[in-house]
Amino acid sequence: MSGFAKGREAGNFAVVIGLVDDRFILVADGEKRKSDRGKKKNKNHVEFLRTLLKRLKRSLMETGRVTNAKLRYALIIYKTKHSTELLKEGEYLHGQR
């Protein structure tokens, strides 16, 4: 799992689905970036989150790939579990600070 630290995608999340070389990775979110056409990102522009969801890991180990639906579901689950941590100072969650 990774969060984009820089650029126009800053603040968004995606899943690392491949390694290009020592400098670049492939990421996908199952929505804008599909698993069959991952976005090539410089590792220096990505903040890595040491979260690996069991369903994604199992799918990758068994088939070598993961579906877009599983990527979207995993990201929704991650964002839901960490929603209060993801809020910036002064933002509201369910009408409360």
N, C-alpha and C. Protein backbone atom coordinates (compact mmCIF):
# COMPACT_ATOMS: atom_id res chain seq x y z
N MET A 1 0.86 -1.16 0.00
CA MET A 1 0.00 0.00 0.00
C MET A 1 0.91 1.23 0.00
N SER A 2 0.51 2.24 -0.70
CA SER A 2 1.29 3.46 -0.72
C SER A 2 0.37 4.67 -0.82
N GLY A 3 0.90 5.78 -0.34
CA GLY A 3 0.21 7.06 -0.47
C GLY A 3 1.10 7.97 -1.28
N PHE A 4 0.51 8.77 -2.13
CA PHE A 4 1.31 9.66 -2.96
C PHE A 4 1.67 10.90 -2.17
N ALA A 5 2.95 11.15 -2.03
CA ALA A 5 3.44 12.24 -1.22
C ALA A 5 3.61 13.52 -2.03
N LYS A 6 3.82 13.39 -3.33
CA LYS A 6 4.12 14.56 -4.15
C LYS A 6 3.31 14.53 -5.44
N GLY A 7 3.23 15.67 -6.08
CA GLY A 7 2.60 15.76 -7.39
C GLY A 7 1.10 15.92 -7.33
N ARG A 8 0.46 15.81 -8.50
CA ARG A 8 -0.98 16.03 -8.58
C ARG A 8 -1.78 14.96 -7.86
N GLU A 9 -1.18 13.81 -7.58
CA GLU A 9 -1.88 12.73 -6.90
C GLU A 9 -1.61 12.70 -5.40
N ALA A 10 -1.00 13.75 -4.88
CA ALA A 10 -0.70 13.81 -3.45
C ALA A 10 -1.96 13.62 -2.63
N GLY A 11 -1.88 12.78 -1.61
CA GLY A 11 -3.01 12.52 -0.74
C GLY A 11 -3.86 11.33 -1.16
N ASN A 12 -3.63 10.81 -2.36
CA ASN A 12 -4.37 9.63 -2.83
C ASN A 12 -3.62 8.36 -2.43
N PHE A 13 -4.31 7.24 -2.50
CA PHE A 13 -3.73 5.96 -2.13
C PHE A 13 -3.82 4.97 -3.27
N ALA A 14 -2.87 4.05 -3.30
CA ALA A 14 -2.86 2.99 -4.31
C ALA A 14 -2.12 1.79 -3.72
N VAL A 15 -2.16 0.71 -4.46
CA VAL A 15 -1.49 -0.51 -4.04
C VAL A 15 -0.32 -0.76 -4.99
N VAL A 16 0.82 -1.10 -4.44
CA VAL A 16 1.98 -1.45 -5.26
C VAL A 16 1.71 -2.82 -5.86
N ILE A 17 1.68 -2.88 -7.19
CA ILE A 17 1.38 -4.15 -7.86
C ILE A 17 2.57 -4.71 -8.61
N GLY A 18 3.66 -3.97 -8.67
CA GLY A 18 4.83 -4.46 -9.39
C GLY A 18 6.07 -3.63 -9.17
N LEU A 19 7.19 -4.20 -9.51
CA LEU A 19 8.49 -3.54 -9.40
C LEU A 19 9.08 -3.43 -10.79
N VAL A 20 9.39 -2.21 -11.23
CA VAL A 20 9.96 -2.00 -12.56
C VAL A 20 11.47 -2.18 -12.49
N ASP A 21 12.11 -1.45 -11.59
CA ASP A 21 13.55 -1.55 -11.37
C ASP A 21 13.86 -0.98 -9.99
N ASP A 22 15.11 -0.65 -9.74
CA ASP A 22 15.50 -0.13 -8.42
C ASP A 22 14.87 1.21 -8.11
N ARG A 23 14.43 1.92 -9.12
CA ARG A 23 13.93 3.28 -8.93
C ARG A 23 12.41 3.42 -9.07
N PHE A 24 11.77 2.55 -9.84
CA PHE A 24 10.36 2.70 -10.16
C PHE A 24 9.52 1.49 -9.74
N ILE A 25 8.26 1.78 -9.39
CA ILE A 25 7.27 0.76 -9.05
C ILE A 25 6.03 0.97 -9.91
N LEU A 26 5.15 -0.02 -9.92
CA LEU A 26 3.84 0.10 -10.56
C LEU A 26 2.78 0.11 -9.47
N VAL A 27 1.86 1.06 -9.56
CA VAL A 27 0.77 1.15 -8.58
C VAL A 27 -0.57 1.16 -9.31
N ALA A 28 -1.61 0.71 -8.61
CA ALA A 28 -2.96 0.72 -9.16
C ALA A 28 -3.95 0.96 -8.03
N ASP A 29 -5.10 1.53 -8.37
CA ASP A 29 -6.15 1.74 -7.38
C ASP A 29 -7.44 1.02 -7.76
N GLY A 30 -7.46 0.38 -8.93
CA GLY A 30 -8.63 -0.35 -9.37
C GLY A 30 -9.72 0.52 -9.96
N GLU A 31 -9.52 1.82 -9.94
CA GLU A 31 -10.53 2.75 -10.45
C GLU A 31 -9.93 3.58 -11.57
N LYS A 32 -9.12 4.55 -11.21
CA LYS A 32 -8.48 5.38 -12.23
C LYS A 32 -7.33 4.62 -12.90
N ARG A 33 -6.57 3.92 -12.10
CA ARG A 33 -5.47 3.09 -12.59
C ARG A 33 -5.82 1.63 -12.38
N LYS A 34 -6.07 0.93 -13.46
CA LYS A 34 -6.46 -0.47 -13.41
C LYS A 34 -5.24 -1.37 -13.17
N SER A 35 -5.50 -2.56 -12.68
CA SER A 35 -4.41 -3.48 -12.33
C SER A 35 -3.63 -3.95 -13.56
N ASP A 36 -4.26 -3.97 -14.72
CA ASP A 36 -3.56 -4.42 -15.93
C ASP A 36 -2.70 -3.32 -16.56
N ARG A 37 -2.90 -2.08 -16.10
CA ARG A 37 -2.10 -0.95 -16.60
C ARG A 37 -1.71 -0.06 -15.42
N GLY A 38 -0.85 -0.58 -14.57
CA GLY A 38 -0.41 0.18 -13.40
C GLY A 38 0.34 1.44 -13.79
N LYS A 39 0.31 2.40 -12.90
CA LYS A 39 1.01 3.67 -13.11
C LYS A 39 2.44 3.52 -12.64
N LYS A 40 3.37 3.90 -13.47
CA LYS A 40 4.79 3.86 -13.12
C LYS A 40 5.09 5.08 -12.26
N LYS A 41 5.60 4.84 -11.05
CA LYS A 41 5.89 5.94 -10.12
C LYS A 41 7.32 5.81 -9.61
N ASN A 42 7.97 6.95 -9.46
CA ASN A 42 9.28 7.00 -8.84
C ASN A 42 9.12 6.71 -7.35
N LYS A 43 9.91 5.80 -6.80
CA LYS A 43 9.81 5.44 -5.38
C LYS A 43 9.97 6.65 -4.47
N ASN A 44 10.76 7.63 -4.90
CA ASN A 44 10.99 8.82 -4.08
C ASN A 44 9.76 9.72 -3.97
N HIS A 45 8.78 9.52 -4.83
CA HIS A 45 7.58 10.35 -4.81
C HIS A 45 6.42 9.67 -4.11
N VAL A 46 6.69 8.53 -3.49
CA VAL A 46 5.66 7.72 -2.85
C VAL A 46 6.01 7.50 -1.38
N GLU A 47 5.00 7.61 -0.55
CA GLU A 47 5.15 7.28 0.87
C GLU A 47 4.61 5.87 1.06
N PHE A 48 5.47 4.95 1.46
CA PHE A 48 5.06 3.56 1.61
C PHE A 48 4.41 3.35 2.96
N LEU A 49 3.27 2.70 2.95
CA LEU A 49 2.54 2.35 4.15
C LEU A 49 2.68 0.84 4.31
N ARG A 50 3.23 0.40 5.38
CA ARG A 50 3.52 -1.02 5.58
C ARG A 50 2.26 -1.81 5.88
N THR A 51 1.28 -1.67 5.03
CA THR A 51 0.01 -2.38 5.18
C THR A 51 -0.17 -3.30 3.99
N LEU A 52 -0.35 -4.57 4.28
CA LEU A 52 -0.65 -5.53 3.23
C LEU A 52 -1.91 -6.27 3.63
N LEU A 53 -2.94 -6.09 2.87
CA LEU A 53 -4.21 -6.71 3.20
C LEU A 53 -4.19 -8.17 2.77
N LYS A 54 -4.70 -9.03 3.62
CA LYS A 54 -4.61 -10.48 3.42
C LYS A 54 -5.24 -10.94 2.11
N ARG A 55 -6.37 -10.37 1.74
CA ARG A 55 -7.03 -10.78 0.49
C ARG A 55 -6.16 -10.48 -0.73
N LEU A 56 -5.53 -9.32 -0.72
CA LEU A 56 -4.67 -8.96 -1.85
C LEU A 56 -3.45 -9.87 -1.90
N LYS A 57 -2.87 -10.11 -0.75
CA LYS A 57 -1.69 -10.97 -0.69
C LYS A 57 -2.02 -12.37 -1.21
N ARG A 58 -3.14 -12.92 -0.76
CA ARG A 58 -3.53 -14.26 -1.17
C ARG A 58 -3.76 -14.30 -2.68
N SER A 59 -4.43 -13.31 -3.22
CA SER A 59 -4.70 -13.26 -4.65
C SER A 59 -3.40 -13.17 -5.45
N LEU A 60 -2.49 -12.33 -4.99
CA LEU A 60 -1.21 -12.19 -5.69
C LEU A 60 -0.39 -13.48 -5.63
N MET A 61 -0.41 -14.15 -4.48
CA MET A 61 0.35 -15.39 -4.34
C MET A 61 -0.25 -16.51 -5.20
N GLU A 62 -1.57 -16.60 -5.28
CA GLU A 62 -2.23 -17.69 -6.00
C GLU A 62 -2.23 -17.49 -7.52
N THR A 63 -2.51 -16.27 -7.95
CA THR A 63 -2.69 -16.04 -9.38
C THR A 63 -1.64 -15.12 -10.00
N GLY A 64 -0.88 -14.43 -9.18
CA GLY A 64 0.10 -13.49 -9.70
C GLY A 64 -0.49 -12.15 -10.08
N ARG A 65 -1.79 -11.98 -9.81
CA ARG A 65 -2.44 -10.70 -10.11
C ARG A 65 -3.57 -10.48 -9.12
N VAL A 66 -4.16 -9.30 -9.20
CA VAL A 66 -5.27 -8.95 -8.32
C VAL A 66 -6.32 -8.21 -9.15
N THR A 67 -7.59 -8.43 -8.85
CA THR A 67 -8.65 -7.78 -9.63
C THR A 67 -8.83 -6.32 -9.20
N ASN A 68 -9.40 -5.54 -10.08
CA ASN A 68 -9.68 -4.14 -9.77
C ASN A 68 -10.67 -4.00 -8.63
N ALA A 69 -11.64 -4.90 -8.58
CA ALA A 69 -12.63 -4.87 -7.49
C ALA A 69 -11.95 -5.10 -6.15
N LYS A 70 -11.00 -6.03 -6.09
CA LYS A 70 -10.29 -6.28 -4.84
C LYS A 70 -9.43 -5.09 -4.44
N LEU A 71 -8.83 -4.42 -5.42
CA LEU A 71 -8.04 -3.22 -5.12
C LEU A 71 -8.93 -2.13 -4.54
N ARG A 72 -10.08 -1.88 -5.19
CA ARG A 72 -10.99 -0.85 -4.69
C ARG A 72 -11.48 -1.17 -3.29
N TYR A 73 -11.86 -2.43 -3.07
CA TYR A 73 -12.35 -2.86 -1.76
C TYR A 73 -11.27 -2.68 -0.69
N ALA A 74 -10.05 -3.08 -1.00
CA ALA A 74 -8.94 -2.96 -0.04
C ALA A 74 -8.69 -1.50 0.32
N LEU A 75 -8.74 -0.62 -0.65
CA LEU A 75 -8.51 0.80 -0.38
C LEU A 75 -9.65 1.41 0.44
N ILE A 76 -10.88 0.98 0.18
CA ILE A 76 -12.02 1.46 0.97
C ILE A 76 -11.87 1.03 2.41
N ILE A 77 -11.51 -0.24 2.62
CA ILE A 77 -11.32 -0.77 3.97
C ILE A 77 -10.21 -0.01 4.68
N TYR A 78 -9.09 0.22 4.00
CA TYR A 78 -7.97 0.94 4.60
C TYR A 78 -8.39 2.36 4.99
N LYS A 79 -9.04 3.06 4.09
CA LYS A 79 -9.45 4.44 4.36
C LYS A 79 -10.46 4.50 5.50
N THR A 80 -11.36 3.54 5.57
CA THR A 80 -12.36 3.50 6.64
C THR A 80 -11.70 3.28 7.99
N LYS A 81 -10.77 2.34 8.06
CA LYS A 81 -10.10 2.03 9.33
C LYS A 81 -9.23 3.20 9.81
N HIS A 82 -8.67 3.95 8.87
CA HIS A 82 -7.74 5.02 9.22
C HIS A 82 -8.30 6.40 8.94
N SER A 83 -9.62 6.53 8.85
CA SER A 83 -10.23 7.80 8.45
C SER A 83 -9.88 8.94 9.39
N THR A 84 -9.85 8.71 10.69
CA THR A 84 -9.54 9.81 11.62
C THR A 84 -8.08 10.21 11.53
N GLU A 85 -7.21 9.27 11.21
CA GLU A 85 -5.79 9.59 11.05
C GLU A 85 -5.54 10.36 9.76
N LEU A 86 -6.38 10.13 8.75
CA LEU A 86 -6.19 10.76 7.45
C LEU A 86 -6.70 12.19 7.40
N LEU A 87 -7.53 12.58 8.36
CA LEU A 87 -8.05 13.94 8.37
C LEU A 87 -6.95 14.93 8.72
N LYS A 88 -6.97 16.03 8.03
CA LYS A 88 -6.03 17.09 8.35
C LYS A 88 -6.62 17.91 9.48
N GLU A 89 -5.76 18.64 10.16
CA GLU A 89 -6.21 19.46 11.27
C GLU A 89 -7.30 20.42 10.79
N GLY A 90 -8.41 20.45 11.51
CA GLY A 90 -9.51 21.35 11.18
C GLY A 90 -10.58 20.74 10.31
N GLU A 91 -10.33 19.52 9.75
CA GLU A 91 -11.35 18.88 8.94
C GLU A 91 -12.33 18.14 9.83
N TYR A 92 -13.47 17.83 9.28
CA TYR A 92 -14.53 17.21 10.06
C TYR A 92 -14.80 15.78 9.62
N LEU A 93 -15.15 14.93 10.56
CA LEU A 93 -15.59 13.58 10.28
C LEU A 93 -16.95 13.41 10.94
N HIS A 94 -17.96 13.13 10.16
CA HIS A 94 -19.33 12.96 10.67
C HIS A 94 -19.76 14.16 11.51
N GLY A 95 -19.41 15.35 11.07
CA GLY A 95 -19.84 16.56 11.74
C GLY A 95 -19.08 16.90 13.01
N GLN A 96 -18.03 16.16 13.32
CA GLN A 96 -17.25 16.43 14.53
C GLN A 96 -15.80 16.63 14.18
N ARG A 97 -15.12 17.34 15.03
CA ARG A 97 -13.69 17.53 14.84
C ARG A 97 -12.92 16.43 15.44
